[in-house]
């Protein structure tokens, strides 16, 4: 078996979206771990040290904004690349993500190919053969 392209933590409270992202990234060659909300993400991020986290914004317990802020403020997780994936497409939301220091912002519904491209770039993976 080949070496995975990197480890991705997929965080979304919607099981269908979580599975969609997980399947696409697994097929692309990433090692994928999932989390159901922000609290779950923070616990797994410290243990697993993923290369990239895809993070939904609207979630119970801890939303994506609070989670991303906590990731950036913890020295153990501050360097992990974060992609916000959200239905919130307003300019204010994008600005808020930029202020927090997220690395990319995708709006739902997203193109799986674009999501894969963004994750590959952030993980430092070589270009896709389909690129």
Protein backbone atom coordinates (compact mmCIF):
# COMPACT_ATOMS: atom_id res chain seq x y z
CA UNK A 1 0.00 0.00 0.00
CA UNK A 2 1.24 3.48 -0.79
CA UNK A 3 1.91 6.12 1.80
CA UNK A 4 -1.17 8.35 2.41
CA UNK A 5 -0.96 11.90 1.08
CA UNK A 6 -1.61 13.21 4.57
CA UNK A 7 -4.08 13.00 7.43
CA UNK A 8 -7.32 14.98 7.27
CA UNK A 9 -9.77 15.50 10.12
CA UNK A 10 -13.26 16.00 8.68
CA UNK A 11 -15.60 17.85 11.06
CA UNK A 12 -19.32 18.18 10.29
CA UNK A 13 -22.44 17.43 12.32
CA UNK A 14 -24.26 16.32 9.14
CA UNK A 15 -23.44 12.64 8.61
CA UNK A 16 -24.13 12.75 4.85
CA UNK A 17 -21.74 15.65 4.26
CA UNK A 18 -19.14 14.13 6.59
CA UNK A 19 -19.29 10.86 4.64
CA UNK A 20 -19.17 12.66 1.27
CA UNK A 21 -15.99 14.49 2.24
CA UNK A 22 -14.49 11.37 3.85
CA UNK A 23 -15.12 9.16 0.79
CA UNK A 24 -13.75 11.73 -1.67
CA UNK A 25 -10.57 12.32 0.33
CA UNK A 26 -10.04 8.60 1.03
CA UNK A 27 -10.36 7.80 -2.68
CA UNK A 28 -7.83 10.55 -3.38
CA UNK A 29 -5.32 8.86 -1.07
CA UNK A 30 -5.66 10.70 2.24
CA UNK A 31 -5.95 9.10 5.66
CA UNK A 32 -9.26 10.46 6.98
CA UNK A 33 -10.59 10.70 10.53
CA UNK A 34 -13.98 12.24 11.32
CA UNK A 35 -15.42 14.31 14.15
CA UNK A 36 -19.07 15.19 14.78
CA UNK A 37 -18.66 18.70 16.25
CA UNK A 38 -16.17 21.28 17.42
CA UNK A 39 -15.52 19.71 20.82
CA UNK A 40 -14.85 16.33 19.18
CA UNK A 41 -12.54 18.12 16.70
CA UNK A 42 -10.45 19.81 19.40
CA UNK A 43 -9.95 16.54 21.26
CA UNK A 44 -8.98 14.60 18.12
CA UNK A 45 -6.78 17.38 16.67
CA UNK A 46 -4.43 17.29 19.67
CA UNK A 47 -4.17 13.49 19.60
CA UNK A 48 -3.99 12.92 15.83
CA UNK A 49 -2.13 16.02 14.60
CA UNK A 50 -3.82 16.07 11.18
CA UNK A 51 -2.28 17.99 8.29
CA UNK A 52 -5.62 19.56 7.36
CA UNK A 53 -8.98 20.00 9.09
CA UNK A 54 -12.17 20.54 7.08
CA UNK A 55 -14.49 22.36 9.47
CA UNK A 56 -18.20 23.05 9.24
CA UNK A 57 -19.31 26.35 10.79
CA UNK A 58 -22.86 25.66 11.99
CA UNK A 59 -22.55 22.83 14.58
CA UNK A 60 -23.83 22.07 18.08
CA UNK A 61 -21.67 22.36 21.22
CA UNK A 62 -18.83 24.34 19.62
CA UNK A 63 -19.41 25.96 16.24
CA UNK A 64 -16.71 26.29 13.59
CA UNK A 65 -15.81 29.85 14.54
CA UNK A 66 -15.12 28.96 18.17
CA UNK A 67 -13.36 25.75 17.13
CA UNK A 68 -11.08 27.48 14.59
CA UNK A 69 -10.21 30.17 17.15
CA UNK A 70 -9.37 27.49 19.74
CA UNK A 71 -7.24 25.58 17.21
CA UNK A 72 -5.26 28.74 16.39
CA UNK A 73 -4.73 29.66 20.06
CA UNK A 74 -3.37 26.23 21.08
CA UNK A 75 0.36 25.85 20.30
CA UNK A 76 -0.18 22.12 19.62
CA UNK A 77 -2.76 22.78 16.88
CA UNK A 78 -1.95 26.32 15.68
CA UNK A 79 -0.06 25.08 12.61
CA UNK A 80 -2.77 22.75 11.32
CA UNK A 81 -4.29 23.95 8.04
CA UNK A 82 -8.03 24.70 8.38
CA UNK A 83 -10.64 24.77 5.61
CA UNK A 84 -14.01 26.17 6.62
CA UNK A 85 -16.82 24.48 4.68
CA UNK A 86 -20.10 26.28 5.26
CA UNK A 87 -23.39 27.41 3.82
CA UNK A 88 -22.56 30.89 5.15
CA UNK A 89 -21.35 32.70 2.04
CA UNK A 90 -21.63 36.35 3.12
CA UNK A 91 -18.56 38.56 2.84
CA UNK A 92 -18.66 39.19 6.62
CA UNK A 93 -18.31 35.45 7.20
CA UNK A 94 -15.34 35.20 4.85
CA UNK A 95 -13.73 38.19 6.59
CA UNK A 96 -14.31 36.57 9.98
CA UNK A 97 -12.61 33.38 8.75
CA UNK A 98 -9.66 35.41 7.50
CA UNK A 99 -9.37 37.24 10.83
CA UNK A 100 -9.33 33.92 12.71
CA UNK A 101 -6.59 32.72 10.37
CA UNK A 102 -8.26 29.88 8.48
CA UNK A 103 -6.43 28.78 5.36
CA UNK A 104 -9.36 28.34 2.96
CA UNK A 105 -13.10 28.93 2.81
CA UNK A 106 -15.50 26.82 0.74
CA UNK A 107 -19.24 27.36 0.54
CA UNK A 108 -21.88 24.63 0.45
CA UNK A 109 -22.87 23.19 -1.86
CA UNK A 110 -19.23 22.70 -2.78
CA UNK A 111 -17.66 20.98 -5.76
CA UNK A 112 -15.89 17.84 -4.44
CA UNK A 113 -13.10 18.33 -6.99
CA UNK A 114 -12.46 21.87 -5.69
CA UNK A 115 -12.49 20.63 -2.08
CA UNK A 116 -9.95 17.92 -2.97
CA UNK A 117 -7.76 20.47 -4.79
CA UNK A 118 -7.77 22.82 -1.78
CA UNK A 119 -6.96 20.01 0.68
CA UNK A 120 -4.15 18.70 -1.56
CA UNK A 121 -2.57 22.14 -1.78
CA UNK A 122 -2.82 22.73 1.98
CA UNK A 123 -1.46 19.25 2.78
CA UNK A 124 1.48 19.85 0.45
CA UNK A 125 0.49 16.79 -1.58
CA UNK A 126 1.69 16.44 -5.18
CA UNK A 127 -0.78 17.46 -7.89
CA UNK A 128 -3.59 15.10 -8.81
CA UNK A 129 -3.17 12.92 -11.87
CA UNK A 130 -6.54 14.30 -12.95
CA UNK A 131 -5.39 17.92 -12.37
